[in-house]
Amino acid sequence: MNTKSECAIRPLLAVSSRGSNSESESKNNNCSSKAVSNSRKPFDTPTATVPLLDQRFSQPVQGVFPQKRQDVLKWYGWGYKDSQFYADNGVIGFKGDKYPLEGCTLPYFTDWVHSKFNLRVSNKTAYPKMPTEFPAPTVNASFLRDLEATKLACSRSGEDRLIRCHGQTLHDIYLLWHNEFKRIPDIVVWPRSHEDVVQLVALAHNHNVVVIPYGGGTSVSGSITCPQSETRMICALDTSQMNRMLWLNKANLTVCFEAGIVGQDLERELRKIGLTVGHEPDSYEFSTLGGWVATRASGMKKNVYGNIEELVVRMRMVTATGGVLERECMAPRVSCGPDFNHIVMGSEGTLGVVTEVVLKVRPLPPVKRYGSLAFPDFDSGVQFMREVARRRCQPASVRLMDNEQFILGQTLKPVKGWLANFFDALKKAYVTVWKGLDLTKMCAATLLFEGEAEDVRRQEALIYEIAKQFKGFPAGGQNGERGYILTFVIAYIRDFALNQQIVAESFETSVPWDRCSALCRNVKRRVEVECHSRGIRDFLISCRVTQTYDVGACVYFYFGFKHTGIADPVATFEAIETSARDEILASGGSLSHHHGVGKIRSKWYEKTVSSTGSALYLAAKRQLDPKNIFAAGNLLTEQKWQEESQRSGEAVAPQDTTVAPNSLVKAKL
């Protein structure tokens, strides 16, 4: 970008200094961080009229996890080390003071697990221990020499390498538990600024070293899973230390963050000054801004705040050839050919490294109110969701659960006293006798309203009026709040289930309204048929509608089965999920609504975007990354990537690359 235009758009706001790049940062606090000539003023308007951010707000953010993230997070699964479901004397409990179920025993959930999976939970199976030996690193000696000269923080520890070789797919976690990863990153590097990333990527390009950007590690598409057949040295570029708020423009309500900031950290910093981005994906506690951009993420409150593509104003992506892909101006909309923001969004780490992102912000809503609705059956609930979308009156969040998920949610309640149980019995009688609902068919929707008090009041009245048209009725704000917050707790069930010989995972899609109900029925039926054909009797398949649009909705499926006696449960699960995805596509659904393609859905990518679309992506890839150093292996199939490597000789390792003679190295590395 030229200096003149850069001066014209950069906000005049203070940025904290950090590391070796403080001088350039103090000169320029735009999303672009190149030095600016002091002969030009950043604004045409007088400086006194510019809404400055107090410098104390532009400090490094205390992140949810440190550089050694295993000190806080589980190395073998989801979430915090001190939070998990457990079994004690045959009863399931939950520990973890960050969640509302802290210290609760869950006998109803225990009974549900037994009835659904014919399983008595046990605490006899231990969780895995960190290995003491790790796959030997591939070493590019000249790269390491040049990297040492940069003084960038790095580690070749087996433990640091192992925990960054995977995401959160069932496949990843199963391999991790059984210590079956053959290829993991050879080095982990922690850049602390955009300039550090430029320097690191240039070194990797010069020495033909693979770079895999690694943010929160929450991917459920295999997008950050280390490619097992890669022969070059692999560098995991951990963005966790790039988490500053660089500037805020209060007049425009825009903010610039470094891409490594975690969702909950980003929101916490903004709430201190009365603002919010409002982007809350289910992984919000641990996923990063850069990851949201790379996967085209969606949040639970997108009805008010928008999906990530509607929140991003501008971004910077460092490419292998040394260029930085960024839009020159931060106007609200431009007509300047194809929007390159959308080349970056969804690229899943294959085109470059996102370093800085400018986002829209809003004042914190003065009122936040939860609600819930009950419907006699799922189809009635879908019709309600469709009508709400048609009238464009969605609250911040509205999510419809089918009967299976409704029942599961009810079981995740602790035991109450006799008086509370008495009132619960009255409520059940009201639903079944007075309202005439069948507990084996009814479903529920959770609601979240945000805004000005009068606006929330009007919206609530309208939503409940629409629900009544489809035989729905209010089920209380407490149920709505509990259902919303439990989203973050439910993620911990997968690891507990795996410990109890149950493999489980979620997958999602988007679908037009006229096919929504049919798609849900078809996929459930297909999974049931696939399970029965394999002799699997104890399984769960359920769904929920989580997002609504003018023309369709997002649907989440949850699938799991008891794998006792099955030789390769993950391969079996993946075969059934593949059949389910085929059914989704045949029923008019998309390949993904927001999880992305990664590796596990790459077989359908070309058919989804057409061969011409796939070729267009490859053309961009060849231009931005001619050596394919961003070789995460996403979007295209492994065979396609091998063909691409053979075409240009990208996969040939340089002469200075060696592999340790032993397949394993001790933990002291």
Foldseek 3Di string as FASTA:
>chain_A
DDQVLLLQFFAPEAADADDPCRVQLRQGLGLDRGHHDPVDHSYPDDPVPFDYDPNVLRDFFPAPADPPRVVFAPLQADDGPQWFWAADPQWIAIDDVVAPRHPFTFRLLSVVCCVQFVFGDDRPFDFADDDQKAFFFWDQPVLVVVVVVVVFDKDQFRSVFSSQQAAHALVSSVCVRVVNQLDTARMETEDQAPVSQLVSLQSCLVQLAFEAEDALRHFHQLLRHHPRPFPHHYYYHYHQNQFTFSGAGPVQQKTKTWFRHAQVSVQVSQVVVQKGLLAAQLRRSRGTNQVCQQQQFGGQQCLPRNTPVQFFQWWWWQFNVSDIDIDSHRPNDDDDPDDCSVLRGQNSLQGGGITMTMTHMDGFFPDKFKWKKKAQADVLVLVLLLVCQQVSLAASWKKKWWLVVQSSLVSSDGDDDPVVVVVVVVVVCCVCPVLVHDSNGMIMMMGMHTHYPVSSVVSVVVSQVSSVVSSMHIDDRVSNVSVVSCSNVVSSVQVSCVSRQKHKDKAKWKAFSVLVVVLLVQLVVLLVVLCVVVVFDNKDWIKMFIADHNGITMMMIMIMGRQVPPPDVVVSVLVSVVSSLVSCVVSGIALHDGSHNRASNLVCLCVRCPVVSVVVSVVSSCVRPVLSSSPSPTNHYPVVVVVSCVVRVSSDRDPSIDTPPDRMDGSVD
